[in-house]
């Protein structure tokens, strides 16, 4: 059964695999490094970091609390979703309320659409706004389809810069 679960140790090996496969996808030019949704579990206590992301007292002043969940299919780790309770100026341009990532070995199997759908259900109780902003790179056709299948209405496209990358971001709104 496909569901969202609290981040937990049971899935860390598969989470690590998703991180490594995502790095490979970056090297191959399939995704950009600013799109990396997984942390290096050898350097970061992923579970603790996700728990701490809910506590404003443990966050840098320019961060907002977020709720992080794993998408699992039976006992298989599929992906991760981050739900931010409100927007900053930066998140308004790039990042939005929701960010998500699928282990590359499960790309193009419909999991992204299910992950965002389940995340939007959670967002109803978490996000302070009446609409949810979801963004993606202009050339990320997979994410474009996922967002549009989940009711995303394109507002505009904006140019962003992150580290050494310049990219165009699509900004979609979904009623919450």
N, C-alpha and C. Protein backbone atom coordinates (compact mmCIF):
# COMPACT_ATOMS: atom_id res chain seq x y z
N UNK A 1 0.84 -1.18 0.00
CA UNK A 1 0.00 0.00 0.00
C UNK A 1 0.88 1.25 0.00
N UNK A 2 0.53 2.22 -0.83
CA UNK A 2 1.29 3.46 -0.93
C UNK A 2 0.79 4.43 0.12
N UNK A 3 1.72 4.98 0.91
CA UNK A 3 1.33 5.92 1.96
C UNK A 3 2.52 6.80 2.34
N UNK A 4 2.19 7.90 3.04
CA UNK A 4 3.22 8.75 3.63
C UNK A 4 3.41 8.31 5.07
N UNK A 5 4.68 8.25 5.49
CA UNK A 5 5.00 7.90 6.87
C UNK A 5 6.01 8.91 7.41
N UNK A 6 6.04 9.02 8.73
CA UNK A 6 7.07 9.83 9.37
C UNK A 6 8.43 9.24 8.98
N UNK A 7 9.41 10.09 8.79
CA UNK A 7 10.76 9.62 8.48
C UNK A 7 11.24 8.72 9.62
N UNK A 8 11.76 7.55 9.27
CA UNK A 8 12.26 6.65 10.30
C UNK A 8 13.41 5.79 9.79
N UNK A 9 14.12 5.22 10.74
CA UNK A 9 15.35 4.46 10.48
C UNK A 9 15.14 3.30 9.52
N UNK A 10 13.98 2.72 9.52
CA UNK A 10 13.70 1.53 8.70
C UNK A 10 14.05 1.76 7.22
N UNK A 11 13.93 2.99 6.76
CA UNK A 11 14.09 3.27 5.34
C UNK A 11 15.41 3.97 4.99
N UNK A 12 16.31 4.09 5.95
CA UNK A 12 17.53 4.87 5.72
C UNK A 12 18.44 4.30 4.63
N UNK A 13 18.55 2.99 4.53
CA UNK A 13 19.41 2.41 3.47
C UNK A 13 18.87 2.75 2.09
N UNK A 14 17.56 2.64 1.93
CA UNK A 14 16.96 2.98 0.64
C UNK A 14 16.99 4.49 0.39
N UNK A 15 16.89 5.27 1.45
CA UNK A 15 17.03 6.72 1.34
C UNK A 15 18.43 7.05 0.83
N UNK A 16 19.43 6.40 1.41
CA UNK A 16 20.82 6.61 0.98
C UNK A 16 20.98 6.23 -0.49
N UNK A 17 20.35 5.14 -0.91
CA UNK A 17 20.40 4.74 -2.31
C UNK A 17 19.81 5.84 -3.20
N UNK A 18 18.69 6.42 -2.77
CA UNK A 18 18.05 7.49 -3.54
C UNK A 18 18.99 8.69 -3.66
N UNK A 19 19.69 9.01 -2.58
CA UNK A 19 20.66 10.10 -2.60
C UNK A 19 21.76 9.82 -3.63
N UNK A 20 22.34 8.63 -3.58
CA UNK A 20 23.43 8.28 -4.49
C UNK A 20 22.97 8.24 -5.95
N UNK A 21 21.80 7.68 -6.19
CA UNK A 21 21.27 7.65 -7.56
C UNK A 21 20.94 9.06 -8.06
N UNK A 22 20.52 9.94 -7.15
CA UNK A 22 20.25 11.33 -7.53
C UNK A 22 21.54 12.04 -7.89
N UNK A 23 22.63 11.77 -7.14
CA UNK A 23 23.93 12.35 -7.50
C UNK A 23 24.34 11.90 -8.89
N UNK A 24 24.12 10.63 -9.18
CA UNK A 24 24.44 10.11 -10.52
C UNK A 24 23.59 10.81 -11.59
N UNK A 25 22.31 11.04 -11.28
CA UNK A 25 21.42 11.73 -12.22
C UNK A 25 21.90 13.17 -12.47
N UNK A 26 22.46 13.80 -11.44
CA UNK A 26 23.04 15.14 -11.61
C UNK A 26 24.24 15.07 -12.55
N UNK A 27 25.13 14.12 -12.32
CA UNK A 27 26.32 13.94 -13.17
C UNK A 27 25.92 13.70 -14.62
N UNK A 28 24.83 12.96 -14.83
CA UNK A 28 24.37 12.64 -16.18
C UNK A 28 23.53 13.75 -16.79
N UNK A 29 23.30 14.83 -16.05
CA UNK A 29 22.52 15.95 -16.57
C UNK A 29 21.02 15.72 -16.58
N UNK A 30 20.54 14.71 -15.86
CA UNK A 30 19.10 14.43 -15.81
C UNK A 30 18.37 15.35 -14.85
N UNK A 31 19.06 15.78 -13.80
CA UNK A 31 18.52 16.79 -12.89
C UNK A 31 19.64 17.77 -12.56
N UNK A 32 19.25 18.91 -12.03
CA UNK A 32 20.24 19.92 -11.63
C UNK A 32 20.51 19.77 -10.14
N UNK A 33 21.68 20.24 -9.70
CA UNK A 33 22.02 20.01 -8.29
C UNK A 33 21.09 20.75 -7.33
N UNK A 34 20.48 21.85 -7.75
CA UNK A 34 19.54 22.52 -6.86
C UNK A 34 18.25 21.71 -6.70
N UNK A 35 18.04 20.68 -7.51
CA UNK A 35 16.85 19.84 -7.41
C UNK A 35 17.04 18.64 -6.49
N UNK A 36 18.22 18.49 -5.91
CA UNK A 36 18.50 17.36 -5.04
C UNK A 36 17.64 17.44 -3.78
N UNK A 37 16.78 16.48 -3.57
CA UNK A 37 15.85 16.47 -2.43
C UNK A 37 16.31 15.56 -1.30
N UNK A 38 17.40 14.86 -1.51
CA UNK A 38 17.88 13.91 -0.51
C UNK A 38 19.17 14.43 0.11
N UNK A 39 19.36 14.16 1.40
CA UNK A 39 20.58 14.54 2.12
C UNK A 39 21.51 13.34 2.20
N UNK A 40 22.80 13.62 2.37
CA UNK A 40 23.78 12.55 2.53
C UNK A 40 23.66 12.01 3.96
N UNK A 41 23.13 10.81 4.08
CA UNK A 41 22.90 10.24 5.41
C UNK A 41 24.19 9.83 6.12
N UNK A 42 25.32 9.86 5.41
CA UNK A 42 26.61 9.61 6.05
C UNK A 42 27.12 10.87 6.76
N UNK A 43 26.58 12.03 6.37
CA UNK A 43 27.02 13.30 6.94
C UNK A 43 25.98 13.94 7.84
N UNK A 44 24.72 13.57 7.67
CA UNK A 44 23.62 14.22 8.38
C UNK A 44 22.72 13.15 9.00
N UNK A 45 22.30 13.36 10.22
CA UNK A 45 21.28 12.50 10.82
C UNK A 45 19.95 12.92 10.22
N UNK A 46 19.58 12.27 9.15
CA UNK A 46 18.42 12.66 8.35
C UNK A 46 17.15 12.68 9.20
N UNK A 47 16.95 11.66 9.99
CA UNK A 47 15.73 11.57 10.79
C UNK A 47 15.65 12.73 11.78
N UNK A 48 16.75 12.99 12.48
CA UNK A 48 16.75 14.08 13.46
C UNK A 48 16.58 15.44 12.78
N UNK A 49 17.24 15.61 11.64
CA UNK A 49 17.12 16.88 10.91
C UNK A 49 15.66 17.12 10.49
N UNK A 50 14.99 16.07 10.06
CA UNK A 50 13.59 16.21 9.66
C UNK A 50 12.71 16.52 10.86
N UNK A 51 12.99 15.91 12.00
CA UNK A 51 12.23 16.22 13.21
C UNK A 51 12.48 17.67 13.62
N UNK A 52 13.74 18.09 13.58
CA UNK A 52 14.10 19.46 13.97
C UNK A 52 13.50 20.51 13.04
N UNK A 53 13.24 20.14 11.78
CA UNK A 53 12.71 21.11 10.82
C UNK A 53 11.31 21.59 11.18
N UNK A 54 10.66 20.91 12.11
CA UNK A 54 9.32 21.31 12.56
C UNK A 54 9.39 22.34 13.68
N UNK A 55 10.54 22.45 14.32
CA UNK A 55 10.70 23.27 15.52
C UNK A 55 11.40 24.58 15.16
N UNK A 56 10.66 25.68 15.16
CA UNK A 56 11.20 26.97 14.75
C UNK A 56 12.41 27.38 15.60
N UNK A 57 12.47 26.93 16.84
CA UNK A 57 13.61 27.29 17.70
C UNK A 57 14.91 26.61 17.27
N UNK A 58 14.82 25.61 16.43
CA UNK A 58 16.01 24.89 15.96
C UNK A 58 16.39 25.25 14.53
N UNK A 59 15.72 26.25 13.98
CA UNK A 59 15.94 26.63 12.58
C UNK A 59 16.64 27.98 12.49
N UNK A 60 17.44 28.18 11.43
CA UNK A 60 17.97 29.53 11.18
C UNK A 60 16.80 30.51 11.02
N UNK A 61 17.05 31.76 11.30
CA UNK A 61 15.97 32.76 11.31
C UNK A 61 15.25 32.92 9.98
N UNK A 62 15.91 32.62 8.87
CA UNK A 62 15.29 32.79 7.55
C UNK A 62 14.57 31.52 7.07
N UNK A 63 14.48 30.50 7.90
CA UNK A 63 13.78 29.26 7.56
C UNK A 63 12.38 29.27 8.15
N UNK A 64 11.49 28.48 7.54
CA UNK A 64 10.16 28.27 8.10
C UNK A 64 10.03 26.79 8.46
N UNK A 65 9.20 26.48 9.44
CA UNK A 65 9.01 25.07 9.78
C UNK A 65 8.49 24.26 8.59
N UNK A 66 8.96 23.03 8.51
CA UNK A 66 8.47 22.13 7.46
C UNK A 66 8.25 20.75 8.04
N UNK A 67 7.36 20.04 7.40
CA UNK A 67 7.04 18.66 7.78
C UNK A 67 7.50 17.77 6.64
N UNK A 68 8.26 16.75 7.01
CA UNK A 68 8.89 15.88 6.02
C UNK A 68 8.37 14.45 6.19
N UNK A 69 8.03 13.84 5.08
CA UNK A 69 7.49 12.49 5.09
C UNK A 69 8.16 11.64 4.03
N UNK A 70 8.19 10.35 4.28
CA UNK A 70 8.66 9.38 3.31
C UNK A 70 7.45 8.78 2.61
N UNK A 71 7.56 8.61 1.29
CA UNK A 71 6.56 7.85 0.55
C UNK A 71 7.05 6.41 0.51
N UNK A 72 6.20 5.49 0.96
CA UNK A 72 6.56 4.07 0.93
C UNK A 72 5.46 3.30 0.22
N UNK A 73 5.87 2.23 -0.41
CA UNK A 73 4.95 1.31 -1.07
C UNK A 73 5.20 -0.05 -0.42
N UNK A 74 4.29 -0.45 0.45
CA UNK A 74 4.51 -1.57 1.36
C UNK A 74 5.74 -1.25 2.20
N UNK A 75 6.81 -2.00 2.08
CA UNK A 75 8.00 -1.71 2.88
C UNK A 75 9.11 -1.08 2.06
N UNK A 76 8.81 -0.59 0.88
CA UNK A 76 9.78 -0.03 -0.04
C UNK A 76 9.79 1.50 0.07
N UNK A 77 10.96 2.10 0.28
CA UNK A 77 11.08 3.55 0.26
C UNK A 77 11.05 4.03 -1.18
N UNK A 78 10.18 5.00 -1.47
CA UNK A 78 10.02 5.51 -2.84
C UNK A 78 10.53 6.94 -2.96
N UNK A 79 10.21 7.79 -2.00
CA UNK A 79 10.58 9.19 -2.12
C UNK A 79 10.33 9.96 -0.84
N UNK A 80 10.50 11.27 -0.96
CA UNK A 80 10.37 12.16 0.19
C UNK A 80 9.61 13.41 -0.23
N UNK A 81 8.87 13.99 0.73
CA UNK A 81 8.18 15.25 0.47
C UNK A 81 8.38 16.17 1.66
N UNK A 82 8.57 17.46 1.36
CA UNK A 82 8.76 18.49 2.37
C UNK A 82 7.61 19.48 2.24
N UNK A 83 6.89 19.72 3.32
CA UNK A 83 5.74 20.63 3.30
C UNK A 83 6.05 21.79 4.24
N UNK A 84 6.22 22.99 3.66
CA UNK A 84 6.54 24.18 4.44
C UNK A 84 5.25 24.91 4.80
N UNK A 85 5.15 25.35 6.06
CA UNK A 85 3.87 25.88 6.52
C UNK A 85 3.55 27.28 5.98
N UNK A 86 4.56 28.02 5.56
CA UNK A 86 4.34 29.34 4.96
C UNK A 86 5.51 29.66 4.03
N UNK A 87 5.38 30.77 3.33
CA UNK A 87 6.39 31.15 2.34
C UNK A 87 7.24 32.33 2.83
N UNK A 88 8.50 32.31 2.44
CA UNK A 88 9.38 33.46 2.56
C UNK A 88 9.48 34.07 1.17
N UNK A 89 10.15 35.21 1.05
CA UNK A 89 10.36 35.80 -0.28
C UNK A 89 11.08 34.80 -1.20
N UNK A 90 12.08 34.12 -0.67
CA UNK A 90 12.84 33.14 -1.47
C UNK A 90 11.95 31.98 -1.91
N UNK A 91 11.17 31.43 -0.97
CA UNK A 91 10.30 30.31 -1.31
C UNK A 91 9.19 30.72 -2.28
N UNK A 92 8.81 31.98 -2.24
CA UNK A 92 7.80 32.49 -3.17
C UNK A 92 8.32 32.44 -4.61
N UNK A 93 9.61 32.62 -4.78
CA UNK A 93 10.23 32.58 -6.11
C UNK A 93 10.64 31.18 -6.52
N UNK A 94 11.16 30.43 -5.55
CA UNK A 94 11.70 29.11 -5.85
C UNK A 94 11.58 28.22 -4.62
N UNK A 95 10.94 27.09 -4.74
CA UNK A 95 10.81 26.16 -3.63
C UNK A 95 9.37 25.94 -3.24
N UNK A 96 8.63 27.02 -3.05
CA UNK A 96 7.22 26.91 -2.72
C UNK A 96 6.94 26.28 -1.38
N UNK A 97 5.69 25.89 -1.20
CA UNK A 97 5.27 25.21 0.02
C UNK A 97 5.72 23.76 0.05
N UNK A 98 5.81 23.16 -1.14
CA UNK A 98 6.07 21.72 -1.22
C UNK A 98 7.24 21.45 -2.15
N UNK A 99 8.15 20.62 -1.67
CA UNK A 99 9.23 20.08 -2.48
C UNK A 99 9.20 18.57 -2.34
N UNK A 100 9.52 17.86 -3.40
CA UNK A 100 9.47 16.40 -3.33
C UNK A 100 10.53 15.79 -4.23
N UNK A 101 10.88 14.56 -3.92
CA UNK A 101 11.84 13.83 -4.73
C UNK A 101 11.52 12.34 -4.71
N UNK A 102 11.69 11.72 -5.85
CA UNK A 102 11.48 10.28 -6.01
C UNK A 102 12.84 9.63 -6.26
N UNK A 103 13.08 8.49 -5.64
CA UNK A 103 14.28 7.72 -5.94
C UNK A 103 14.31 7.50 -7.45
N UNK A 104 15.41 7.88 -8.12
CA UNK A 104 15.45 7.76 -9.58
C UNK A 104 15.10 6.38 -10.13
N UNK A 105 15.32 5.33 -9.35
CA UNK A 105 14.97 4.00 -9.89
C UNK A 105 13.46 3.81 -10.00
N UNK A 106 12.68 4.73 -9.42
CA UNK A 106 11.22 4.64 -9.52
C UNK A 106 10.62 5.76 -10.38
N UNK A 107 11.46 6.49 -11.09
CA UNK A 107 10.95 7.54 -11.97
C UNK A 107 10.05 6.93 -13.04
N UNK A 108 9.12 7.72 -13.50
CA UNK A 108 8.19 7.38 -14.58
C UNK A 108 7.33 6.15 -14.28
N UNK A 109 6.99 5.98 -12.99
CA UNK A 109 6.11 4.88 -12.60
C UNK A 109 4.85 5.39 -11.89
N UNK A 110 4.62 6.70 -11.94
CA UNK A 110 3.41 7.28 -11.35
C UNK A 110 3.54 7.64 -9.89
N UNK A 111 4.69 7.38 -9.29
CA UNK A 111 4.84 7.66 -7.86
C UNK A 111 4.87 9.16 -7.55
N UNK A 112 5.42 9.97 -8.44
CA UNK A 112 5.47 11.41 -8.19
C UNK A 112 4.08 12.01 -8.06
N UNK A 113 3.18 11.59 -8.93
CA UNK A 113 1.81 12.08 -8.89
C UNK A 113 1.14 11.68 -7.58
N UNK A 114 1.36 10.45 -7.16
CA UNK A 114 0.77 9.97 -5.90
C UNK A 114 1.39 10.68 -4.71
N UNK A 115 2.70 10.89 -4.76
CA UNK A 115 3.38 11.58 -3.66
C UNK A 115 2.83 12.98 -3.49
N UNK A 116 2.71 13.74 -4.56
CA UNK A 116 2.19 15.10 -4.45
C UNK A 116 0.73 15.08 -4.00
N UNK A 117 -0.07 14.16 -4.50
CA UNK A 117 -1.49 14.07 -4.08
C UNK A 117 -1.58 13.85 -2.57
N UNK A 118 -0.80 12.90 -2.06
CA UNK A 118 -0.81 12.63 -0.62
C UNK A 118 -0.26 13.82 0.18
N UNK A 119 0.75 14.47 -0.36
CA UNK A 119 1.31 15.65 0.29
C UNK A 119 0.32 16.80 0.36
N UNK A 120 -0.46 16.97 -0.69
CA UNK A 120 -1.48 18.02 -0.70
C UNK A 120 -2.56 17.75 0.35
N UNK A 121 -2.88 16.48 0.57
CA UNK A 121 -3.83 16.14 1.63
C UNK A 121 -3.27 16.55 3.00
N UNK A 122 -1.99 16.27 3.24
CA UNK A 122 -1.35 16.68 4.50
C UNK A 122 -1.29 18.20 4.61
N UNK A 123 -1.03 18.86 3.49
CA UNK A 123 -0.89 20.32 3.48
C UNK A 123 -2.15 21.02 3.95
N UNK A 124 -3.30 20.42 3.76
CA UNK A 124 -4.55 21.04 4.21
C UNK A 124 -4.53 21.35 5.70
N UNK A 125 -3.86 20.50 6.48
CA UNK A 125 -3.78 20.70 7.92
C UNK A 125 -2.53 21.47 8.35
N UNK A 126 -1.56 21.62 7.46
CA UNK A 126 -0.27 22.20 7.85
C UNK A 126 0.00 23.60 7.30
N UNK A 127 -0.39 23.84 6.08
CA UNK A 127 -0.08 25.10 5.41
C UNK A 127 -1.05 26.19 5.86
N UNK A 128 -0.49 27.34 6.18
CA UNK A 128 -1.30 28.45 6.71
C UNK A 128 -2.07 29.20 5.63
N UNK A 129 -1.72 29.00 4.36
CA UNK A 129 -2.33 29.75 3.26
C UNK A 129 -3.48 28.97 2.62
N UNK A 130 -4.34 29.69 1.89
CA UNK A 130 -5.48 29.05 1.24
C UNK A 130 -5.10 28.38 -0.07
N UNK A 131 -3.92 28.71 -0.58
CA UNK A 131 -3.39 28.07 -1.78
C UNK A 131 -1.99 27.57 -1.48
N UNK A 132 -1.59 26.53 -2.18
CA UNK A 132 -0.27 25.94 -2.02
C UNK A 132 0.54 26.24 -3.28
N UNK A 133 1.77 26.73 -3.09
CA UNK A 133 2.67 26.98 -4.21
C UNK A 133 3.59 25.79 -4.38
N UNK A 134 3.63 25.26 -5.61
CA UNK A 134 4.54 24.19 -5.97
C UNK A 134 5.31 24.67 -7.18
N UNK A 135 6.64 24.56 -7.13
CA UNK A 135 7.47 25.03 -8.23
C UNK A 135 8.27 23.88 -8.83
N UNK A 136 8.71 24.09 -10.06
CA UNK A 136 9.61 23.13 -10.70
C UNK A 136 10.38 23.86 -11.79
N UNK A 137 11.47 23.26 -12.20
CA UNK A 137 12.24 23.82 -13.31
C UNK A 137 11.40 23.78 -14.58
N UNK A 138 11.56 24.79 -15.42
CA UNK A 138 10.80 24.90 -16.65
C UNK A 138 11.01 23.69 -17.56
N UNK A 139 12.21 23.11 -17.51
CA UNK A 139 12.51 21.98 -18.40
C UNK A 139 12.28 20.62 -17.74
N UNK A 140 11.69 20.59 -16.55
CA UNK A 140 11.42 19.33 -15.87
C UNK A 140 10.01 18.87 -16.23
N UNK A 141 9.90 18.24 -17.38
CA UNK A 141 8.60 17.85 -17.92
C UNK A 141 7.87 16.88 -16.99
N UNK A 142 8.61 15.98 -16.32
CA UNK A 142 7.99 15.06 -15.38
C UNK A 142 7.28 15.79 -14.26
N UNK A 143 7.95 16.77 -13.65
CA UNK A 143 7.32 17.54 -12.57
C UNK A 143 6.18 18.41 -13.08
N UNK A 144 6.34 18.95 -14.27
CA UNK A 144 5.24 19.74 -14.85
C UNK A 144 3.98 18.88 -14.92
N UNK A 145 4.11 17.66 -15.43
CA UNK A 145 2.95 16.76 -15.55
C UNK A 145 2.38 16.40 -14.17
N UNK A 146 3.28 16.12 -13.20
CA UNK A 146 2.85 15.76 -11.85
C UNK A 146 2.03 16.89 -11.24
N UNK A 147 2.55 18.10 -11.33
CA UNK A 147 1.87 19.25 -10.73
C UNK A 147 0.54 19.53 -11.41
N UNK A 148 0.53 19.48 -12.73
CA UNK A 148 -0.71 19.75 -13.46
C UNK A 148 -1.76 18.66 -13.22
N UNK A 149 -1.34 17.40 -13.09
CA UNK A 149 -2.29 16.32 -12.77
C UNK A 149 -2.91 16.51 -11.39
N UNK A 150 -2.22 17.24 -10.52
CA UNK A 150 -2.72 17.49 -9.17
C UNK A 150 -3.40 18.85 -9.05
N UNK A 151 -3.80 19.44 -10.17
CA UNK A 151 -4.58 20.66 -10.15
C UNK A 151 -3.78 21.95 -10.17
N UNK A 152 -2.49 21.87 -10.42
CA UNK A 152 -1.65 23.06 -10.45
C UNK A 152 -2.02 23.99 -11.60
N UNK A 153 -2.15 25.28 -11.27
CA UNK A 153 -2.44 26.32 -12.27
C UNK A 153 -1.18 27.18 -12.37
N UNK A 154 -0.60 27.21 -13.56
CA UNK A 154 0.62 27.98 -13.79
C UNK A 154 0.33 29.47 -13.67
N UNK A 155 1.04 30.13 -12.74
CA UNK A 155 0.92 31.58 -12.63
C UNK A 155 1.92 32.27 -13.55
N UNK A 156 3.17 31.83 -13.47
CA UNK A 156 4.20 32.46 -14.29
C UNK A 156 5.48 31.64 -14.24
N UNK A 157 6.48 32.15 -14.94
CA UNK A 157 7.82 31.58 -14.92
C UNK A 157 8.77 32.69 -14.51
N UNK A 158 9.71 32.36 -13.62
CA UNK A 158 10.68 33.34 -13.14
C UNK A 158 12.09 32.77 -13.26
N UNK A 159 13.05 33.66 -13.42
CA UNK A 159 14.45 33.24 -13.48
C UNK A 159 15.04 33.29 -12.08
N UNK A 160 15.73 32.23 -11.71
CA UNK A 160 16.36 32.12 -10.39
C UNK A 160 17.83 31.78 -10.54
N UNK A 161 18.58 32.09 -9.50
CA UNK A 161 19.99 31.74 -9.44
C UNK A 161 20.22 31.04 -8.10
N UNK A 162 20.86 29.89 -8.15
CA UNK A 162 21.21 29.16 -6.94
C UNK A 162 22.64 28.67 -7.11
N UNK A 163 23.53 29.13 -6.23
CA UNK A 163 24.96 28.82 -6.34
C UNK A 163 25.44 29.26 -7.71
N UNK A 164 25.88 28.32 -8.52
CA UNK A 164 26.42 28.67 -9.84
C UNK A 164 25.44 28.37 -10.97
N UNK A 165 24.19 28.12 -10.63
CA UNK A 165 23.19 27.76 -11.64
C UNK A 165 22.16 28.87 -11.82
N UNK A 166 21.82 29.16 -13.06
CA UNK A 166 20.71 30.03 -13.41
C UNK A 166 19.67 29.16 -14.09
N UNK A 167 18.42 29.30 -13.69
CA UNK A 167 17.39 28.43 -14.24
C UNK A 167 16.04 29.14 -14.19
N UNK A 168 15.12 28.67 -15.02
CA UNK A 168 13.77 29.20 -15.07
C UNK A 168 12.87 28.28 -14.26
N UNK A 169 12.07 28.90 -13.39
CA UNK A 169 11.18 28.16 -12.49
C UNK A 169 9.73 28.42 -12.87
N UNK A 170 8.96 27.35 -12.98
CA UNK A 170 7.52 27.46 -13.16
C UNK A 170 6.89 27.53 -11.78
N UNK A 171 5.94 28.45 -11.59
CA UNK A 171 5.26 28.63 -10.30
C UNK A 171 3.79 28.26 -10.48
N UNK A 172 3.38 27.21 -9.78
CA UNK A 172 2.00 26.71 -9.84
C UNK A 172 1.31 26.89 -8.50
N UNK A 173 0.04 27.24 -8.56
CA UNK A 173 -0.80 27.35 -7.37
C UNK A 173 -1.87 26.26 -7.40
N UNK A 174 -2.10 25.68 -6.21
CA UNK A 174 -3.12 24.64 -6.06
C UNK A 174 -3.97 25.03 -4.85
N UNK A 175 -5.30 25.03 -5.01
CA UNK A 175 -6.18 25.37 -3.88
C UNK A 175 -5.96 24.39 -2.75
N UNK A 176 -5.90 24.94 -1.56
CA UNK A 176 -5.63 24.13 -0.36
C UNK A 176 -6.94 23.84 0.36
